[in-house]
Protein backbone atom coordinates (compact mmCIF):
# COMPACT_ATOMS: atom_id res chain seq x y z
CA MET A 1 260.44 142.08 196.71
CA GLY A 2 264.30 142.01 195.87
CA TYR A 3 267.59 143.93 196.91
CA VAL A 4 265.63 147.09 197.10
CA GLY A 5 262.03 146.08 198.09
CA LEU A 6 262.37 143.64 200.58
CA PRO A 7 264.95 145.47 202.76
CA LEU A 8 262.76 148.43 202.91
CA ALA A 9 259.37 146.48 203.67
CA LEU A 10 261.19 145.07 206.83
CA ALA A 11 262.33 148.45 207.58
CA LEU A 12 258.93 149.74 207.60
CA ALA A 13 257.41 146.66 209.41
CA GLU A 14 259.87 147.58 212.21
CA ALA A 15 258.82 151.24 212.22
CA ASP A 16 255.32 150.17 213.06
CA TYR A 17 253.66 150.05 209.92
CA ARG A 18 251.46 146.93 208.67
CA VAL A 19 253.07 146.08 205.35
CA TYR A 20 252.38 143.81 202.57
CA GLY A 21 255.21 142.65 200.14
CA VAL A 22 253.60 142.18 196.84
CA ASP A 23 255.86 139.79 194.28
CA ILE A 24 254.64 138.34 191.14
CA ASP A 25 256.60 135.27 191.59
CA PRO A 26 254.85 132.70 193.95
CA ARG A 27 258.17 130.59 194.44
CA ARG A 28 259.73 134.23 195.76
CA VAL A 29 256.77 134.24 198.10
CA ALA A 30 256.86 131.01 199.15
CA GLY A 31 260.60 131.44 199.90
CA LEU A 32 260.00 134.68 202.22
CA LEU A 33 257.07 133.02 204.06
CA SER A 34 259.52 130.15 204.82
CA GLY A 35 262.18 132.70 206.40
CA ASP A 36 264.36 132.98 203.82
CA PRO A 37 265.14 136.40 202.49
CA GLY A 38 267.10 135.35 199.40
CA VAL A 39 269.09 138.79 199.03
CA GLU A 40 271.98 139.82 200.96
CA THR A 41 270.62 143.21 202.05
CA ALA A 42 267.95 141.62 204.14
CA GLY A 43 268.62 139.05 207.06
CA ARG A 44 266.86 136.14 208.10
CA ALA A 45 266.33 137.50 211.84
CA GLN A 46 264.84 140.58 210.47
CA LEU A 47 262.46 138.79 208.27
CA ARG A 48 261.80 136.12 211.02
CA ARG A 49 260.56 138.83 213.33
CA ALA A 50 258.70 140.82 211.06
CA LEU A 51 256.38 137.74 210.06
CA ASP A 52 256.46 136.64 213.82
CA SER A 53 254.92 139.88 214.58
CA GLY A 54 252.28 139.57 211.71
CA ALA A 55 253.59 143.30 210.56
CA PHE A 56 255.05 141.71 207.39
CA THR A 57 253.06 139.66 204.87
CA PRO A 58 254.58 138.48 201.55
CA THR A 59 251.88 137.65 198.74
CA THR A 60 250.83 137.74 195.11
CA ASP A 61 247.70 139.38 195.55
CA TRP A 62 247.59 142.82 193.98
CA SER A 63 243.90 143.39 195.86
CA VAL A 64 245.88 143.94 199.20
CA LEU A 65 246.43 147.59 197.55
CA ASN A 66 243.09 148.52 198.49
CA GLU A 67 243.95 148.60 202.04
CA CYS A 68 247.22 150.22 201.93
CA ARG A 69 247.87 154.10 201.92
CA VAL A 70 251.25 153.91 200.99
CA VAL A 71 252.48 152.14 197.82
CA VAL A 72 256.10 151.72 197.07
CA ILE A 73 257.38 150.49 193.96
CA ALA A 74 260.84 149.01 193.43
CA VAL A 75 260.41 146.67 190.09
CA PRO A 76 263.56 146.08 187.82
CA THR A 77 264.17 148.73 185.12
CA PRO A 78 266.71 146.87 182.98
CA LEU A 79 268.12 147.86 179.54
CA HIS A 80 267.99 145.60 176.57
CA ASP A 81 270.30 146.42 173.60
CA GLY A 82 270.82 149.67 175.38
CA GLU A 83 267.28 150.69 175.41
CA PRO A 84 265.35 150.68 178.78
CA ASP A 85 263.08 147.94 179.63
CA LEU A 86 259.98 149.66 181.57
CA SER A 87 257.87 146.86 181.09
CA ALA A 88 257.57 145.75 185.07
CA LEU A 89 257.18 149.39 185.62
CA ARG A 90 254.32 149.45 183.27
CA ASP A 91 252.72 146.69 184.53
CA ALA A 92 253.13 147.70 188.23
CA ALA A 93 251.71 151.26 187.38
CA GLU A 94 248.72 149.45 185.60
CA MET A 95 248.16 147.25 188.57
CA VAL A 96 248.64 150.01 190.92
CA SER A 97 245.88 152.20 189.36
CA ARG A 98 243.52 149.46 189.61
CA HIS A 99 243.42 149.12 193.24
CA VAL A 100 244.83 152.34 194.39
CA VAL A 101 242.55 154.40 196.56
CA ARG A 102 242.14 158.40 197.50
CA ASN A 103 244.80 159.79 199.59
CA THR A 104 247.17 157.25 198.94
CA LEU A 105 251.08 158.00 198.56
CA VAL A 106 252.68 156.15 195.76
CA VAL A 107 256.51 156.41 195.44
CA LEU A 108 258.89 155.12 192.50
CA GLU A 109 262.33 153.69 193.79
CA SER A 110 263.51 151.80 190.63
CA THR A 111 266.15 154.01 188.84
CA SER A 112 265.09 155.10 185.45
CA TYR A 113 265.67 158.40 183.22
CA PRO A 114 264.52 161.77 184.41
CA GLY A 115 260.76 161.96 183.24
CA THR A 116 260.04 158.30 184.11
CA THR A 117 257.77 158.89 187.01
CA ARG A 118 255.60 161.60 185.36
CA GLU A 119 255.45 159.77 182.13
CA ILE A 120 254.55 156.47 183.36
CA LEU A 121 253.31 156.72 186.85
CA LEU A 122 251.04 160.12 186.86
CA PRO A 123 248.46 159.24 183.98
CA PRO A 124 247.22 156.24 184.94
CA LEU A 125 246.46 157.35 188.61
CA THR A 126 245.68 160.67 187.56
CA ALA A 127 242.82 158.66 185.47
CA ALA A 128 242.00 156.27 188.35
CA VAL A 129 242.03 158.89 191.38
CA GLY A 130 242.21 162.51 190.38
CA ALA A 131 244.65 165.23 190.69
CA ALA A 132 248.31 164.68 192.47
CA GLY A 133 248.59 166.74 195.52
CA LYS A 134 244.85 166.37 196.35
CA ASP A 135 243.68 163.14 195.70
CA PHE A 136 246.42 161.25 195.60
CA PHE A 137 250.22 161.79 196.28
CA LEU A 138 253.01 160.65 194.11
CA ALA A 139 256.97 160.84 194.31
CA PHE A 140 260.41 159.62 193.46
CA VAL A 141 262.50 158.75 196.00
CA PRO A 142 265.86 156.58 194.85
CA GLU A 143 266.87 153.77 196.27
CA ARG A 144 270.28 153.49 197.86
CA ILE A 145 271.08 150.41 198.61
CA ASP A 146 274.94 149.12 198.86
CA PRO A 147 275.10 145.36 199.42
CA GLY A 148 277.51 144.09 201.81
CA ASN A 149 278.20 147.67 203.49
CA PRO A 150 278.04 147.59 207.29
CA ASP A 151 278.22 151.37 207.44
CA TYR A 152 275.44 152.62 205.50
CA SER A 153 271.90 150.85 205.75
CA ILE A 154 268.71 152.04 205.31
CA ALA A 155 268.52 153.55 208.57
CA THR A 156 271.82 155.73 208.21
CA THR A 157 271.76 156.38 204.76
CA PRO A 158 270.03 159.88 203.95
CA ARG A 159 267.56 159.70 200.74
CA ILE A 160 266.71 162.25 198.28
CA VAL A 161 262.68 162.98 197.52
CA GLY A 162 261.32 164.58 194.52
CA GLY A 163 257.50 164.97 194.71
CA MET A 164 255.33 165.70 192.00
CA THR A 165 253.71 168.79 193.87
CA PRO A 166 255.26 170.06 197.44
CA ALA A 167 252.37 168.32 199.12
CA CYS A 168 253.49 165.04 197.92
CA ALA A 169 257.06 165.51 198.77
CA ASP A 170 255.76 166.19 202.24
CA ARG A 171 254.06 163.27 202.70
CA ALA A 172 256.83 161.37 200.89
CA ALA A 173 259.71 163.20 203.20
CA ALA A 174 257.14 162.26 206.49
CA LEU A 175 257.11 158.44 205.17
CA TYR A 176 261.02 158.04 205.03
CA LEU A 177 261.51 160.02 207.96
CA ARG A 178 260.54 157.14 209.99
CA VAL A 179 263.14 154.81 208.66
CA THR A 180 266.60 157.13 207.76
CA ARG A 181 267.72 159.71 209.87
CA SER A 182 268.08 162.64 206.76
CA VAL A 183 265.86 163.52 203.97
CA SER A 184 266.54 166.12 201.30
CA ILE A 185 263.54 167.38 199.33
CA VAL A 186 264.28 168.55 195.88
CA SER A 187 261.85 170.40 193.38
CA SER A 188 260.51 167.73 191.13
CA PRO A 189 260.90 163.78 190.54
CA GLU A 190 263.21 164.92 187.68
CA ALA A 191 265.36 166.38 190.04
CA ALA A 192 265.46 163.25 191.79
CA GLU A 193 266.06 160.84 189.25
CA MET A 194 268.82 162.73 187.69
CA ALA A 195 270.26 163.26 190.83
CA LYS A 196 270.48 159.04 190.97
CA LEU A 197 271.72 158.80 187.84
CA LEU A 198 274.35 161.75 188.53
CA GLU A 199 275.28 159.39 191.54
CA ASN A 200 276.89 156.85 189.85
CA ALA A 201 277.69 158.17 186.25
CA PHE A 202 280.13 159.85 188.64
CA ARG A 203 281.46 156.48 189.97
CA ASN A 204 281.50 155.28 186.18
CA LEU A 205 283.40 157.97 184.73
CA ASN A 206 286.03 158.03 187.95
CA ILE A 207 286.47 154.19 187.72
CA ALA A 208 286.96 154.39 183.70
CA PHE A 209 289.67 157.15 184.29
CA ALA A 210 291.35 154.55 186.71
CA ASN A 211 291.31 151.35 184.60
CA GLU A 212 292.68 153.86 181.66
CA LEU A 213 295.65 154.86 183.96
CA SER A 214 295.82 151.35 185.31
CA LEU A 215 296.32 150.06 181.45
CA VAL A 216 299.21 152.85 180.96
CA CYS A 217 300.94 152.28 184.37
CA ASP A 218 301.12 148.60 183.30
CA ARG A 219 302.79 149.40 180.20
CA LEU A 220 305.18 151.71 182.09
CA ALA A 221 306.08 148.83 184.88
CA LEU A 222 304.57 151.19 187.75
CA ASN A 223 302.05 150.36 190.42
CA VAL A 224 298.99 151.72 189.80
CA ARG A 225 297.87 151.55 193.50
CA GLU A 226 301.30 153.31 194.58
CA VAL A 227 300.28 156.06 192.00
CA ILE A 228 296.71 156.59 193.36
CA HIS A 229 297.89 156.59 197.20
CA ALA A 230 300.53 159.19 196.72
CA ALA A 231 298.12 161.52 194.85
CA ALA A 232 295.33 160.60 197.49
CA THR A 233 297.85 162.52 199.93
CA LYS A 234 296.69 165.82 198.80
CA PRO A 235 294.24 166.93 200.94
CA PHE A 236 292.30 168.64 198.70
CA GLY A 237 290.97 168.30 194.99
CA PHE A 238 291.36 164.68 194.86
CA MET A 239 289.46 161.45 195.59
CA PRO A 240 290.92 158.36 194.97
CA PHE A 241 289.08 155.92 192.46
CA TYR A 242 290.37 152.43 191.91
CA PRO A 243 290.57 150.13 188.75
CA GLY A 244 289.63 146.50 188.38
CA PRO A 245 288.37 143.94 185.83
CA GLY A 246 285.19 145.94 185.20
CA ILE A 247 281.86 146.78 187.06
CA GLY A 248 279.51 145.01 188.21
CA GLY A 249 276.04 145.18 190.09
CA GLU A 250 272.80 146.87 189.07
CA CYS A 251 273.77 150.27 189.55
CA ILE A 252 277.11 151.29 188.30
CA PRO A 253 276.91 149.72 184.98
CA VAL A 254 273.40 150.37 183.99
CA ASP A 255 272.21 153.97 185.23
CA PRO A 256 274.59 155.82 183.26
CA ARG A 257 273.37 154.26 180.19
CA TYR A 258 269.75 155.53 181.00
CA LEU A 259 271.19 159.15 181.28
CA ALA A 260 273.31 158.55 178.10
CA TRP A 261 270.06 157.27 176.48
CA ARG A 262 267.93 160.04 177.58
CA ALA A 263 270.59 162.76 176.54
CA ARG A 264 270.66 161.35 173.36
CA LYS A 265 266.78 161.37 172.91
CA MET A 266 267.16 165.11 173.99
CA GLY A 267 269.74 166.19 171.14
CA GLU A 268 272.62 166.47 173.42
CA PRO A 269 274.82 163.47 173.37
CA MET A 270 277.23 162.78 176.58
CA HIS A 271 280.20 161.88 174.76
CA LEU A 272 282.41 161.40 178.14
CA LEU A 273 279.84 159.20 179.48
CA GLU A 274 279.62 156.95 176.59
CA LEU A 275 283.25 156.68 176.27
CA ALA A 276 283.34 155.57 179.99
CA VAL A 277 280.66 153.21 180.02
CA ASP A 278 282.71 151.82 176.65
CA LEU A 279 285.88 151.35 178.78
CA ASN A 280 284.39 149.88 181.54
CA ALA A 281 282.75 147.47 179.45
CA SER A 282 285.85 146.28 177.43
CA MET A 283 287.82 145.65 180.79
CA PRO A 284 287.20 141.83 180.87
CA ASP A 285 288.77 141.76 177.80
CA ARG A 286 291.82 143.69 178.99
CA THR A 287 291.61 141.64 181.82
CA LEU A 288 292.12 138.73 179.65
CA GLU A 289 295.03 140.55 177.89
CA ARG A 290 296.81 140.99 180.77
CA ILE A 291 296.37 137.34 181.85
CA GLY A 292 297.77 136.11 178.58
CA ARG A 293 300.71 138.45 178.89
CA ALA A 294 301.72 136.91 182.68
CA LEU A 295 300.98 133.28 181.27
CA ASN A 296 303.36 134.33 178.30
CA ALA A 297 305.96 135.43 180.28
CA GLN A 298 306.14 131.86 182.09
CA GLY A 299 306.21 130.51 178.28
CA ILE A 300 302.63 129.52 178.33
CA ALA A 301 299.92 129.68 176.00
CA LEU A 302 296.42 130.62 177.49
CA ARG A 303 294.88 127.49 175.45
CA ASN A 304 297.15 125.31 177.34
CA ALA A 305 297.21 127.31 180.74
CA THR A 306 295.47 126.15 184.24
CA VAL A 307 294.22 129.30 185.90
CA LEU A 308 292.59 129.72 189.45
CA VAL A 309 290.44 132.66 189.70
CA LEU A 310 289.95 134.14 192.84
CA GLY A 311 286.73 135.95 193.43
CA VAL A 312 283.59 135.82 190.96
CA SER A 313 280.99 138.24 192.89
CA TYR A 314 280.81 142.00 191.85
CA LYS A 315 282.14 143.02 194.81
CA PRO A 316 283.87 142.13 197.88
CA ASP A 317 282.40 140.18 201.06
CA VAL A 318 279.35 139.59 199.05
CA GLY A 319 277.63 136.51 196.87
CA ASP A 320 275.90 139.13 194.55
CA GLN A 321 276.74 138.15 190.89
CA ARG A 322 274.70 140.59 189.03
CA ASN A 323 276.71 142.15 186.39
CA ALA A 324 279.87 140.56 187.73
CA PRO A 325 282.83 141.26 185.59
CA ALA A 326 284.80 138.34 186.91
CA LEU A 327 281.93 136.10 185.25
CA SER A 328 282.92 137.61 181.73
CA VAL A 329 286.36 137.27 182.54
CA LEU A 330 285.50 133.41 183.31
CA SER A 331 283.74 132.99 180.18
CA ARG A 332 286.43 134.25 177.88
CA LEU A 333 289.10 131.92 179.89
CA LEU A 334 286.94 128.84 178.80
CA GLU A 335 286.41 130.50 175.52
CA TYR A 336 290.18 130.39 174.63
CA GLY A 337 290.52 126.98 175.84
CA ALA A 338 292.08 127.49 179.49
CA GLU A 339 291.34 124.90 182.28
CA VAL A 340 289.77 127.23 184.96
CA HIS A 341 289.04 127.01 188.39
CA TYR A 342 287.45 129.34 191.09
CA HIS A 343 287.52 129.97 194.62
CA ASP A 344 284.75 132.19 196.20
CA PRO A 345 283.67 131.81 199.94
CA TYR A 346 280.53 133.66 199.00
CA VAL A 347 279.33 132.03 195.80
CA PRO A 348 279.53 128.12 195.94
CA GLU A 349 278.62 127.59 192.60
CA VAL A 350 278.20 129.29 188.80
CA GLU A 351 276.84 128.74 185.42
CA ILE A 352 279.04 129.77 182.55
CA GLY A 353 277.95 129.07 179.00
CA GLY A 354 276.04 126.14 179.93
CA ARG A 355 278.73 124.80 182.19
CA ARG A 356 278.35 124.54 186.18
CA LEU A 357 281.88 125.08 187.69
CA GLN A 358 282.15 124.77 191.79
CA SER A 359 284.42 126.91 193.94
CA THR A 360 287.28 125.03 194.75
CA ASP A 361 289.45 124.94 198.16
CA ILE A 362 292.80 126.52 197.90
CA SER A 363 294.89 123.23 198.40
CA ALA A 364 298.32 122.76 197.79
CA ASP A 365 297.24 119.86 195.03
CA VAL A 366 294.98 122.97 193.36
CA VAL A 367 297.88 125.34 193.92
CA ARG A 368 300.19 122.67 192.32
CA ARG A 369 298.07 122.36 189.15
CA CYS A 370 297.42 125.92 188.16
CA ASP A 371 299.93 128.00 186.36
CA LEU A 372 298.60 131.34 187.46
CA ALA A 373 296.17 132.83 190.55
CA VAL A 374 294.29 135.88 189.54
CA ALA A 375 292.57 138.05 192.14
CA LEU A 376 289.66 139.81 190.66
CA VAL A 377 287.42 140.21 193.70
CA ALA A 378 289.37 140.99 197.34
CA HIS A 379 287.18 138.88 199.74
CA THR A 380 288.47 139.48 203.29
CA GLY A 381 289.62 136.35 204.94
CA VAL A 382 291.36 134.48 201.28
CA ASP A 383 294.98 133.90 202.22
CA TYR A 384 296.40 136.07 198.87
CA ARG A 385 299.54 136.21 200.79
CA GLY A 386 300.03 132.76 201.20
CA ILE A 387 299.19 131.68 197.39
CA ALA A 388 301.39 134.67 196.03
CA ARG A 389 304.13 132.64 197.91
CA ARG A 390 303.48 129.46 196.34
CA MET A 391 302.52 130.42 192.82
CA HIS A 392 302.49 133.11 189.87
CA PHE A 393 300.18 135.52 191.16
CA LEU A 394 298.64 138.42 189.22
CA ASP A 395 296.41 141.06 191.31
CA LEU A 396 293.40 142.57 189.15
CA SER A 397 290.78 143.33 191.50
CA SER A 398 289.74 146.57 192.48
CA GLY A 399 290.20 148.62 195.86
CA PRO A 400 292.95 150.04 197.56
CA ALA A 401 294.92 146.75 198.57
CA LEU A 402 293.99 143.45 198.80
CA PRO A 403 293.01 142.33 202.45
CA ASP A 404 295.90 140.16 204.25
CA ALA A 405 298.04 140.79 201.63
């Protein structure tokens, strides 16, 4: 019942399904029962309506699956030391296979390498129930959640369906058409799994190029945004991507590594993708270098500097800190001995290397004490123009431009 599972559960509840939200964490379930969604992809009012209507029940009890004819799996699939960690998915597959009944549709939404649905879910379900497409139905439908995006929700975002058989795909498509406007069926779960990885590998690659371009433009004293805006006037054959202090969230930094890992296992390493992943991962260090040069220009060593960091979430206008590159920059500043303050209206507190930092107000006193302000995340509502007028200011945020600046 996290960033992916909870919003889907609530959307299905609003579509007149009776929905159980199974989570292994009792504290998470207690929070949901109290009306706290705990994630930014679901609202309190929506959760409260679903609870009050009786359409949605959070629980830790796997036996509720006996009553269900649809099971959607949305569990973490992280990477550890570059290797996929599918332990949560394997555990879920085991528990689902214990309780699943005939004619149930099982859908995997968790991102992984092509072949995951067939390798991890199909064998235990086949052993427990019978043949896919006849005794049960199995499909992969990749999640497409974008926290904080007001334009695209579950209802407005098209979905991809890859069924183990045509009958499986049809069942899954019918389910998702209850909550979204458009569904595209592909030939297999593997095709859907690969499409999901392509979506985010595409972004990783292009952001890496924008980041590399920004480093060159910085050395040439060129404004990289001006260059990108100029190129974007071409009405065909170009799509703008913007540099930043790195990439964050659960998808763009992680998904390409699944694809690169699978490609290497198949004997077809994706060198370009691996270079892009490594370059983006290096951007917090390159960001620190640019901060150091900006301080050196004032005759201040990094270890003696007081730095104000603006924005520590992974993207604008959300408090989501998953893989946020700004946190890596904060950590490096502290390691080098700088005094660090941060301001983020969405993140009241962060923990860096065992130290707790609180978001500070951008008061005149704070500005006077800081040698440099660095914008890393472009939250709306922050007075970047006013800060830039009062102190040395470095804009290293991603996006076409800082708001209000």
